[in-house]
Amino acid sequence: MAEMKKQFLPVLLVHNTHGVHGELKCSLLCDDVSAIKNVKTVYTAENGAEAFSVRSLRGAKPFFLLSLVSIDTLQKAEPLKAKMLYAKRDDIQIPPGSYFISDLIGLPVTDARTKEIYGTLTEILDNPANQIYRIQTKHGDVLFPVVREFIDHIDPNVGIFIKPIPGFFEKDDTSCDLT
């Protein structure tokens, strides 16, 4: 049975308040601010329990200033410090061929040529050159570069299909004592 995709996804992390009018200093939890430019409501829980209408979001990486309709004083903004803010999946715009990280975590990582399953994707790390997949294998964690040449295709309902270089996932059973 396929796991149900999360309806609410994290989009902003509130670091602090900004000014006396209730603005919030936030960092982006998605690749690009354009993904959330049309988000009209944010939530303080991933179940959508507490909703806030967005007045504006401005700035540039690493920090953005978020203004919420019902938060207009420093005192009203204070309780939101250190909170994760979520948006509905359907309100987030991602380009074709892009995926939500939460949909990829837990997928099997399979050799596109041999169909051998190497392990499970447990984390996606951001690296200046490219992202890196942390894949849990039976021999331990493997860090795999996410570059076009090594990724055959991704199906968020089935798995991640890769084209690793020969020997990348082979466990070296030889040991060497350097003492």
N, C-alpha and C. Protein backbone atom coordinates (compact mmCIF):
# COMPACT_ATOMS: atom_id res chain seq x y z
N MET A 1 0.84 -1.18 0.00
CA MET A 1 0.00 0.00 0.00
C MET A 1 0.89 1.25 0.00
N ALA A 2 0.65 2.16 -0.90
CA ALA A 2 1.45 3.38 -1.01
C ALA A 2 1.16 4.33 0.15
N GLU A 3 2.22 4.98 0.63
CA GLU A 3 2.05 5.93 1.71
C GLU A 3 1.37 7.18 1.17
N MET A 4 0.45 7.72 1.96
CA MET A 4 -0.26 8.91 1.53
C MET A 4 0.67 10.12 1.62
N LYS A 5 0.65 10.95 0.61
CA LYS A 5 1.50 12.13 0.58
C LYS A 5 1.00 13.16 1.58
N LYS A 6 1.94 13.84 2.21
CA LYS A 6 1.59 14.86 3.20
C LYS A 6 0.84 16.00 2.53
N GLN A 7 -0.23 16.45 3.17
CA GLN A 7 -1.03 17.55 2.62
C GLN A 7 -0.37 18.90 2.91
N PHE A 8 0.32 19.02 4.04
CA PHE A 8 0.98 20.27 4.43
C PHE A 8 2.49 20.06 4.44
N LEU A 9 3.22 20.98 3.81
CA LEU A 9 4.67 20.86 3.71
C LEU A 9 5.34 22.09 4.32
N PRO A 10 6.49 21.91 4.98
CA PRO A 10 7.19 23.05 5.57
C PRO A 10 7.73 23.98 4.48
N VAL A 11 7.50 25.29 4.65
CA VAL A 11 7.97 26.26 3.65
C VAL A 11 8.83 27.37 4.24
N LEU A 12 8.60 27.73 5.50
CA LEU A 12 9.36 28.81 6.13
C LEU A 12 9.67 28.45 7.58
N LEU A 13 10.81 28.92 8.05
CA LEU A 13 11.18 28.80 9.45
C LEU A 13 11.29 30.21 10.01
N VAL A 14 10.53 30.52 11.04
CA VAL A 14 10.56 31.84 11.66
C VAL A 14 11.75 31.90 12.62
N HIS A 15 12.64 32.86 12.39
CA HIS A 15 13.81 33.01 13.26
C HIS A 15 13.56 34.04 14.35
N ASN A 16 12.89 35.12 13.99
CA ASN A 16 12.73 36.21 14.94
C ASN A 16 11.63 37.14 14.45
N THR A 17 11.32 38.12 15.27
CA THR A 17 10.42 39.19 14.85
C THR A 17 11.26 40.26 14.18
N HIS A 18 10.58 41.16 13.47
CA HIS A 18 11.27 42.27 12.79
C HIS A 18 10.41 43.52 12.93
N GLY A 19 10.90 44.48 13.66
CA GLY A 19 10.17 45.74 13.83
C GLY A 19 9.00 45.62 14.80
N VAL A 20 8.25 46.69 14.89
CA VAL A 20 7.15 46.77 15.86
C VAL A 20 5.78 46.45 15.25
N HIS A 21 5.74 46.20 13.95
CA HIS A 21 4.46 45.95 13.28
C HIS A 21 4.18 44.47 13.03
N GLY A 22 4.94 43.59 13.69
CA GLY A 22 4.63 42.18 13.64
C GLY A 22 5.22 41.40 12.48
N GLU A 23 6.16 41.97 11.74
CA GLU A 23 6.79 41.20 10.66
C GLU A 23 7.66 40.10 11.27
N LEU A 24 7.86 39.04 10.49
CA LEU A 24 8.63 37.89 10.94
C LEU A 24 9.83 37.67 10.02
N LYS A 25 11.00 37.50 10.61
CA LYS A 25 12.22 37.20 9.86
C LYS A 25 12.29 35.70 9.68
N CYS A 26 12.24 35.24 8.42
CA CYS A 26 12.14 33.81 8.11
C CYS A 26 13.21 33.37 7.13
N SER A 27 13.50 32.08 7.16
CA SER A 27 14.32 31.49 6.11
C SER A 27 13.44 30.52 5.32
N LEU A 28 13.78 30.39 4.07
CA LEU A 28 13.02 29.57 3.12
C LEU A 28 13.40 28.11 3.27
N LEU A 29 12.43 27.22 3.25
CA LEU A 29 12.67 25.79 3.35
C LEU A 29 12.39 25.07 2.03
N CYS A 30 12.32 25.83 0.96
CA CYS A 30 12.17 25.26 -0.37
C CYS A 30 13.26 25.88 -1.26
N ASP A 31 13.42 25.34 -2.44
CA ASP A 31 14.53 25.77 -3.30
C ASP A 31 14.46 27.23 -3.72
N ASP A 32 13.28 27.72 -3.97
CA ASP A 32 13.13 29.05 -4.54
C ASP A 32 11.86 29.70 -4.02
N VAL A 33 11.93 30.99 -3.75
CA VAL A 33 10.76 31.72 -3.24
C VAL A 33 9.60 31.68 -4.24
N SER A 34 9.88 31.50 -5.51
CA SER A 34 8.80 31.45 -6.51
C SER A 34 7.86 30.28 -6.25
N ALA A 35 8.32 29.24 -5.55
CA ALA A 35 7.47 28.09 -5.24
C ALA A 35 6.32 28.48 -4.32
N ILE A 36 6.54 29.51 -3.49
CA ILE A 36 5.48 29.88 -2.53
C ILE A 36 4.92 31.29 -2.75
N LYS A 37 5.23 31.87 -3.91
CA LYS A 37 4.77 33.24 -4.17
C LYS A 37 3.25 33.37 -4.19
N ASN A 38 2.53 32.31 -4.51
CA ASN A 38 1.07 32.37 -4.55
C ASN A 38 0.41 31.78 -3.31
N VAL A 39 1.21 31.43 -2.31
CA VAL A 39 0.63 30.89 -1.07
C VAL A 39 -0.07 32.02 -0.33
N LYS A 40 -1.33 31.85 -0.05
CA LYS A 40 -2.14 32.88 0.61
C LYS A 40 -2.34 32.60 2.10
N THR A 41 -2.08 31.35 2.52
CA THR A 41 -2.28 30.96 3.91
C THR A 41 -1.12 30.08 4.34
N VAL A 42 -0.61 30.34 5.56
CA VAL A 42 0.40 29.47 6.16
C VAL A 42 -0.16 28.93 7.46
N TYR A 43 0.41 27.83 7.90
CA TYR A 43 -0.09 27.11 9.07
C TYR A 43 1.06 26.83 10.03
N THR A 44 0.78 26.82 11.33
CA THR A 44 1.83 26.58 12.31
C THR A 44 1.99 25.11 12.64
N ALA A 45 1.19 24.26 12.06
CA ALA A 45 1.30 22.82 12.29
C ALA A 45 1.06 22.09 10.98
N GLU A 46 1.68 20.92 10.84
CA GLU A 46 1.52 20.20 9.58
C GLU A 46 0.16 19.52 9.44
N ASN A 47 -0.72 19.76 10.40
CA ASN A 47 -2.10 19.28 10.25
C ASN A 47 -3.05 20.43 9.90
N GLY A 48 -2.50 21.64 9.71
CA GLY A 48 -3.31 22.78 9.32
C GLY A 48 -4.11 23.38 10.46
N ALA A 49 -3.71 23.08 11.70
CA ALA A 49 -4.50 23.49 12.86
C ALA A 49 -4.66 25.01 13.00
N GLU A 50 -3.59 25.76 12.91
CA GLU A 50 -3.66 27.21 13.11
C GLU A 50 -3.25 27.91 11.81
N ALA A 51 -4.18 28.64 11.21
CA ALA A 51 -3.95 29.25 9.90
C ALA A 51 -3.78 30.76 10.02
N PHE A 52 -2.91 31.31 9.16
CA PHE A 52 -2.68 32.75 9.08
C PHE A 52 -2.69 33.17 7.61
N SER A 53 -3.42 34.22 7.30
CA SER A 53 -3.43 34.76 5.94
C SER A 53 -2.16 35.57 5.71
N VAL A 54 -1.55 35.38 4.56
CA VAL A 54 -0.30 36.07 4.21
C VAL A 54 -0.63 37.42 3.61
N ARG A 55 -0.03 38.46 4.17
CA ARG A 55 -0.15 39.81 3.60
C ARG A 55 0.94 40.00 2.55
N SER A 56 2.20 39.69 2.93
CA SER A 56 3.31 39.86 1.99
C SER A 56 4.50 39.03 2.43
N LEU A 57 5.35 38.74 1.47
CA LEU A 57 6.63 38.08 1.69
C LEU A 57 7.63 38.79 0.81
N ARG A 58 8.65 39.36 1.43
CA ARG A 58 9.63 40.12 0.66
C ARG A 58 11.03 39.82 1.17
N GLY A 59 12.01 40.15 0.34
CA GLY A 59 13.40 39.95 0.72
C GLY A 59 14.11 39.02 -0.24
N ALA A 60 15.26 38.57 0.18
CA ALA A 60 16.08 37.67 -0.62
C ALA A 60 16.85 36.76 0.32
N LYS A 61 17.29 35.62 -0.21
CA LYS A 61 18.03 34.67 0.61
C LYS A 61 19.19 35.38 1.29
N PRO A 62 19.50 35.07 2.51
CA PRO A 62 19.00 33.95 3.29
C PRO A 62 17.74 34.25 4.09
N PHE A 63 17.34 35.53 4.21
CA PHE A 63 16.18 35.85 5.05
C PHE A 63 15.11 36.61 4.29
N PHE A 64 13.87 36.32 4.66
CA PHE A 64 12.70 36.97 4.09
C PHE A 64 11.89 37.57 5.22
N LEU A 65 11.14 38.61 4.91
CA LEU A 65 10.25 39.22 5.89
C LEU A 65 8.82 38.87 5.51
N LEU A 66 8.15 38.21 6.45
CA LEU A 66 6.78 37.75 6.25
C LEU A 66 5.84 38.62 7.07
N SER A 67 4.80 39.11 6.42
CA SER A 67 3.77 39.88 7.10
C SER A 67 2.47 39.10 7.01
N LEU A 68 1.84 38.88 8.17
CA LEU A 68 0.59 38.14 8.23
C LEU A 68 -0.55 39.10 8.57
N VAL A 69 -1.71 38.88 8.00
CA VAL A 69 -2.84 39.80 8.15
C VAL A 69 -3.20 40.03 9.62
N SER A 70 -3.29 39.01 10.41
CA SER A 70 -3.75 39.15 11.80
C SER A 70 -2.63 39.45 12.80
N ILE A 71 -1.39 39.51 12.32
CA ILE A 71 -0.25 39.79 13.20
C ILE A 71 0.26 41.20 12.86
N ASP A 72 -0.09 42.17 13.72
CA ASP A 72 0.27 43.56 13.41
C ASP A 72 1.02 44.26 14.54
N THR A 73 1.41 43.48 15.55
CA THR A 73 2.22 44.06 16.64
C THR A 73 3.34 43.09 16.99
N LEU A 74 4.34 43.62 17.64
CA LEU A 74 5.45 42.80 18.11
C LEU A 74 4.95 41.72 19.08
N GLN A 75 4.02 42.08 19.94
CA GLN A 75 3.49 41.14 20.93
C GLN A 75 2.75 39.97 20.28
N LYS A 76 2.04 40.23 19.20
CA LYS A 76 1.33 39.16 18.50
C LYS A 76 2.31 38.27 17.72
N ALA A 77 3.44 38.83 17.30
CA ALA A 77 4.43 38.08 16.52
C ALA A 77 5.30 37.18 17.39
N GLU A 78 5.55 37.59 18.63
CA GLU A 78 6.45 36.85 19.53
C GLU A 78 6.18 35.35 19.60
N PRO A 79 4.93 34.90 19.75
CA PRO A 79 4.69 33.45 19.87
C PRO A 79 5.07 32.64 18.63
N LEU A 80 5.29 33.31 17.50
CA LEU A 80 5.63 32.59 16.27
C LEU A 80 7.14 32.37 16.11
N LYS A 81 7.94 32.97 17.00
CA LYS A 81 9.39 32.79 16.91
C LYS A 81 9.74 31.31 17.03
N ALA A 82 10.67 30.87 16.19
CA ALA A 82 11.18 29.49 16.15
C ALA A 82 10.14 28.48 15.65
N LYS A 83 9.07 28.95 15.05
CA LYS A 83 8.04 28.05 14.51
C LYS A 83 8.32 27.73 13.05
N MET A 84 7.97 26.52 12.68
CA MET A 84 7.96 26.11 11.29
C MET A 84 6.60 26.50 10.73
N LEU A 85 6.58 27.08 9.53
CA LEU A 85 5.31 27.42 8.89
C LEU A 85 5.11 26.50 7.69
N TYR A 86 3.89 26.04 7.53
CA TYR A 86 3.55 25.06 6.50
C TYR A 86 2.59 25.68 5.49
N ALA A 87 2.57 25.10 4.30
CA ALA A 87 1.61 25.49 3.27
C ALA A 87 0.97 24.22 2.72
N LYS A 88 -0.22 24.38 2.17
CA LYS A 88 -0.87 23.23 1.53
C LYS A 88 -0.09 22.86 0.28
N ARG A 89 0.06 21.58 0.09
CA ARG A 89 0.77 21.04 -1.08
C ARG A 89 0.25 21.65 -2.38
N ASP A 90 -1.05 21.77 -2.51
CA ASP A 90 -1.65 22.27 -3.76
C ASP A 90 -1.37 23.75 -4.00
N ASP A 91 -0.97 24.48 -2.95
CA ASP A 91 -0.67 25.91 -3.10
C ASP A 91 0.78 26.18 -3.49
N ILE A 92 1.61 25.15 -3.42
CA ILE A 92 3.04 25.30 -3.72
C ILE A 92 3.27 24.97 -5.19
N GLN A 93 3.97 25.86 -5.86
CA GLN A 93 4.22 25.67 -7.30
C GLN A 93 5.65 25.18 -7.51
N ILE A 94 5.77 24.00 -8.10
CA ILE A 94 7.10 23.50 -8.46
C ILE A 94 7.12 23.22 -9.96
N PRO A 95 8.30 23.38 -10.57
CA PRO A 95 8.39 23.15 -12.01
C PRO A 95 8.20 21.68 -12.36
N PRO A 96 7.79 21.41 -13.58
CA PRO A 96 7.66 20.02 -14.03
C PRO A 96 9.02 19.31 -13.88
N GLY A 97 8.98 18.07 -13.45
CA GLY A 97 10.20 17.31 -13.26
C GLY A 97 10.85 17.54 -11.90
N SER A 98 10.24 18.39 -11.07
CA SER A 98 10.72 18.61 -9.71
C SER A 98 9.82 17.83 -8.76
N TYR A 99 10.35 17.56 -7.56
CA TYR A 99 9.61 16.76 -6.61
C TYR A 99 9.75 17.35 -5.22
N PHE A 100 8.78 17.07 -4.37
CA PHE A 100 8.87 17.44 -2.97
C PHE A 100 9.79 16.44 -2.28
N ILE A 101 10.73 16.93 -1.49
CA ILE A 101 11.67 16.05 -0.80
C ILE A 101 10.93 15.03 0.05
N SER A 102 9.87 15.46 0.71
CA SER A 102 9.13 14.53 1.58
C SER A 102 8.53 13.37 0.80
N ASP A 103 8.32 13.54 -0.51
CA ASP A 103 7.78 12.45 -1.33
C ASP A 103 8.87 11.46 -1.74
N LEU A 104 10.14 11.89 -1.66
CA LEU A 104 11.24 11.03 -2.10
C LEU A 104 11.85 10.23 -0.94
N ILE A 105 11.85 10.82 0.25
CA ILE A 105 12.44 10.13 1.40
C ILE A 105 11.69 8.83 1.64
N GLY A 106 12.45 7.75 1.79
CA GLY A 106 11.87 6.43 2.02
C GLY A 106 11.70 5.60 0.76
N LEU A 107 11.95 6.21 -0.41
CA LEU A 107 11.82 5.46 -1.66
C LEU A 107 13.01 4.52 -1.86
N PRO A 108 12.78 3.39 -2.52
CA PRO A 108 13.91 2.52 -2.87
C PRO A 108 14.75 3.16 -3.96
N VAL A 109 16.06 2.93 -3.87
CA VAL A 109 17.00 3.41 -4.89
C VAL A 109 17.45 2.18 -5.67
N THR A 110 17.16 2.19 -6.97
CA THR A 110 17.32 1.01 -7.81
C THR A 110 18.23 1.31 -8.99
N ASP A 111 19.06 0.33 -9.36
CA ASP A 111 19.89 0.44 -10.55
C ASP A 111 18.97 0.35 -11.77
N ALA A 112 18.98 1.37 -12.61
CA ALA A 112 18.09 1.42 -13.77
C ALA A 112 18.41 0.32 -14.78
N ARG A 113 19.67 -0.12 -14.82
CA ARG A 113 20.06 -1.16 -15.79
C ARG A 113 19.82 -2.56 -15.27
N THR A 114 20.29 -2.86 -14.04
CA THR A 114 20.22 -4.22 -13.52
C THR A 114 18.98 -4.49 -12.69
N LYS A 115 18.28 -3.42 -12.28
CA LYS A 115 17.09 -3.49 -11.41
C LYS A 115 17.44 -3.91 -9.98
N GLU A 116 18.72 -3.93 -9.62
CA GLU A 116 19.13 -4.23 -8.25
C GLU A 116 18.75 -3.05 -7.35
N ILE A 117 18.13 -3.37 -6.21
CA ILE A 117 17.77 -2.33 -5.25
C ILE A 117 18.96 -2.16 -4.30
N TYR A 118 19.53 -0.96 -4.30
CA TYR A 118 20.70 -0.69 -3.46
C TYR A 118 20.32 -0.36 -2.03
N GLY A 119 19.20 0.28 -1.84
CA GLY A 119 18.80 0.68 -0.49
C GLY A 119 17.66 1.66 -0.54
N THR A 120 17.56 2.46 0.54
CA THR A 120 16.46 3.40 0.71
C THR A 120 17.00 4.81 0.88
N LEU A 121 16.38 5.77 0.22
CA LEU A 121 16.77 7.17 0.37
C LEU A 121 16.33 7.64 1.75
N THR A 122 17.30 8.13 2.56
CA THR A 122 16.98 8.57 3.92
C THR A 122 17.11 10.08 4.09
N GLU A 123 17.86 10.74 3.21
CA GLU A 123 18.08 12.17 3.37
C GLU A 123 18.58 12.75 2.05
N ILE A 124 18.27 14.02 1.83
CA ILE A 124 18.82 14.76 0.69
C ILE A 124 19.59 15.93 1.25
N LEU A 125 20.88 15.95 0.98
CA LEU A 125 21.78 16.98 1.49
C LEU A 125 22.03 18.02 0.42
N ASP A 126 22.06 19.29 0.83
CA ASP A 126 22.40 20.36 -0.10
C ASP A 126 23.90 20.56 -0.09
N ASN A 127 24.48 20.59 -1.26
CA ASN A 127 25.90 20.79 -1.46
C ASN A 127 26.03 21.92 -2.48
N PRO A 128 27.06 22.75 -2.39
CA PRO A 128 27.16 23.85 -3.36
C PRO A 128 27.12 23.41 -4.82
N ALA A 129 27.72 22.29 -5.14
CA ALA A 129 27.77 21.83 -6.53
C ALA A 129 26.47 21.15 -6.96
N ASN A 130 25.92 20.32 -6.08
CA ASN A 130 24.71 19.56 -6.38
C ASN A 130 24.18 18.94 -5.10
N GLN A 131 22.97 18.45 -5.14
CA GLN A 131 22.44 17.74 -3.99
C GLN A 131 23.10 16.37 -3.88
N ILE A 132 23.01 15.78 -2.68
CA ILE A 132 23.58 14.46 -2.44
C ILE A 132 22.51 13.62 -1.76
N TYR A 133 22.29 12.41 -2.29
CA TYR A 133 21.37 11.47 -1.66
C TYR A 133 22.12 10.66 -0.61
N ARG A 134 21.55 10.54 0.58
CA ARG A 134 22.06 9.60 1.57
C ARG A 134 21.19 8.35 1.42
N ILE A 135 21.83 7.26 1.04
CA ILE A 135 21.13 6.01 0.77
C ILE A 135 21.54 4.99 1.83
N GLN A 136 20.57 4.46 2.53
CA GLN A 136 20.85 3.43 3.52
C GLN A 136 20.88 2.09 2.80
N THR A 137 22.06 1.45 2.83
CA THR A 137 22.23 0.14 2.19
C THR A 137 22.46 -0.90 3.28
N LYS A 138 22.54 -2.16 2.88
CA LYS A 138 22.79 -3.22 3.88
C LYS A 138 24.21 -3.14 4.44
N HIS A 139 25.08 -2.37 3.78
CA HIS A 139 26.47 -2.21 4.24
C HIS A 139 26.70 -0.88 4.94
N GLY A 140 25.65 -0.07 5.10
CA GLY A 140 25.78 1.24 5.72
C GLY A 140 25.32 2.34 4.76
N ASP A 141 25.48 3.57 5.19
CA ASP A 141 25.05 4.71 4.39
C ASP A 141 26.04 4.99 3.26
N VAL A 142 25.47 5.35 2.10
CA VAL A 142 26.26 5.74 0.93
C VAL A 142 25.79 7.13 0.52
N LEU A 143 26.74 8.02 0.24
CA LEU A 143 26.42 9.35 -0.27
C LEU A 143 26.54 9.31 -1.79
N PHE A 144 25.46 9.64 -2.46
CA PHE A 144 25.40 9.52 -3.92
C PHE A 144 25.12 10.89 -4.53
N PRO A 145 25.97 11.35 -5.46
CA PRO A 145 25.76 12.67 -6.06
C PRO A 145 24.54 12.70 -6.98
N VAL A 146 23.75 13.74 -6.84
CA VAL A 146 22.57 13.90 -7.68
C VAL A 146 22.97 14.76 -8.88
N VAL A 147 23.45 14.08 -9.91
CA VAL A 147 23.82 14.74 -11.16
C VAL A 147 23.11 14.01 -12.31
N ARG A 148 22.81 14.75 -13.32
CA ARG A 148 22.04 14.23 -14.45
C ARG A 148 22.60 12.92 -15.01
N GLU A 149 23.91 12.81 -15.07
CA GLU A 149 24.53 11.61 -15.64
C GLU A 149 24.26 10.35 -14.81
N PHE A 150 23.99 10.51 -13.51
CA PHE A 150 23.80 9.35 -12.63
C PHE A 150 22.34 9.05 -12.31
N ILE A 151 21.43 9.96 -12.65
CA ILE A 151 20.01 9.75 -12.36
C ILE A 151 19.30 9.38 -13.66
N ASP A 152 18.73 8.19 -13.70
CA ASP A 152 18.01 7.76 -14.89
C ASP A 152 16.62 8.40 -14.90
N HIS A 153 15.86 8.15 -13.83
CA HIS A 153 14.56 8.80 -13.68
C HIS A 153 14.05 8.61 -12.26
N ILE A 154 13.07 9.42 -11.93
CA ILE A 154 12.45 9.37 -10.61
C ILE A 154 10.95 9.22 -10.79
N ASP A 155 10.40 8.26 -10.10
CA ASP A 155 8.95 8.09 -10.05
C ASP A 155 8.57 8.12 -8.58
N PRO A 156 7.99 9.24 -8.10
CA PRO A 156 7.71 9.35 -6.67
C PRO A 156 6.72 8.31 -6.14
N ASN A 157 6.09 7.55 -7.03
CA ASN A 157 5.19 6.48 -6.61
C ASN A 157 5.88 5.12 -6.59
N VAL A 158 7.08 5.04 -7.19
CA VAL A 158 7.76 3.75 -7.31
C VAL A 158 9.16 3.78 -6.71
N GLY A 159 9.97 4.75 -7.12
CA GLY A 159 11.34 4.79 -6.62
C GLY A 159 12.24 5.69 -7.44
N ILE A 160 13.52 5.69 -7.05
CA ILE A 160 14.55 6.48 -7.72
C ILE A 160 15.43 5.50 -8.49
N PHE A 161 15.59 5.74 -9.77
CA PHE A 161 16.34 4.85 -10.64
C PHE A 161 17.63 5.55 -11.06
N ILE A 162 18.76 4.92 -10.72
CA ILE A 162 20.05 5.56 -10.93
C ILE A 162 20.93 4.76 -11.88
N LYS A 163 21.99 5.42 -12.36
CA LYS A 163 23.00 4.81 -13.21
C LYS A 163 24.37 5.03 -12.55
N PRO A 164 24.70 4.25 -11.52
CA PRO A 164 25.97 4.49 -10.83
C PRO A 164 27.15 4.00 -11.66
N ILE A 165 28.31 4.56 -11.38
CA ILE A 165 29.52 4.07 -12.04
C ILE A 165 29.85 2.70 -11.45
N PRO A 166 30.49 1.82 -12.21
CA PRO A 166 30.81 0.48 -11.71
C PRO A 166 31.61 0.55 -10.41
N GLY A 167 31.21 -0.28 -9.45
CA GLY A 167 31.91 -0.37 -8.17
C GLY A 167 31.42 0.60 -7.12
N PHE A 168 30.54 1.50 -7.46
CA PHE A 168 30.11 2.53 -6.51
C PHE A 168 29.44 1.93 -5.27
N PHE A 169 28.65 0.89 -5.44
CA PHE A 169 27.93 0.29 -4.32
C PHE A 169 28.53 -1.03 -3.85
N GLU A 170 29.65 -1.42 -4.41
CA GLU A 170 30.28 -2.67 -3.99
C GLU A 170 30.99 -2.47 -2.67
N LYS A 171 30.78 -3.42 -1.73
CA LYS A 171 31.43 -3.35 -0.44
C LYS A 171 32.81 -3.96 -0.57
N ASP A 172 33.80 -3.22 -0.10
CA ASP A 172 35.18 -3.72 -0.12
C ASP A 172 35.38 -4.54 1.15
N ASP A 173 35.51 -5.86 1.01
CA ASP A 173 35.66 -6.74 2.15
C ASP A 173 37.10 -6.86 2.62
N THR A 174 38.02 -6.21 1.93
CA THR A 174 39.41 -6.27 2.37
C THR A 174 39.62 -5.28 3.47
N SER A 175 40.46 -5.63 4.42
CA SER A 175 40.76 -4.70 5.50
C SER A 175 42.25 -4.45 5.56
N CYS A 176 42.59 -3.34 6.09
CA CYS A 176 43.99 -2.96 6.15
C CYS A 176 44.25 -2.37 7.53
N ASP A 177 45.21 -2.94 8.25
CA ASP A 177 45.56 -2.44 9.57
C ASP A 177 46.71 -1.46 9.41
N LEU A 178 46.44 -0.20 9.71
CA LEU A 178 47.46 0.84 9.50
C LEU A 178 48.23 1.13 10.78
N THR A 179 48.15 0.25 11.79
CA THR A 179 48.88 0.52 13.04
C THR A 179 50.26 -0.09 13.04
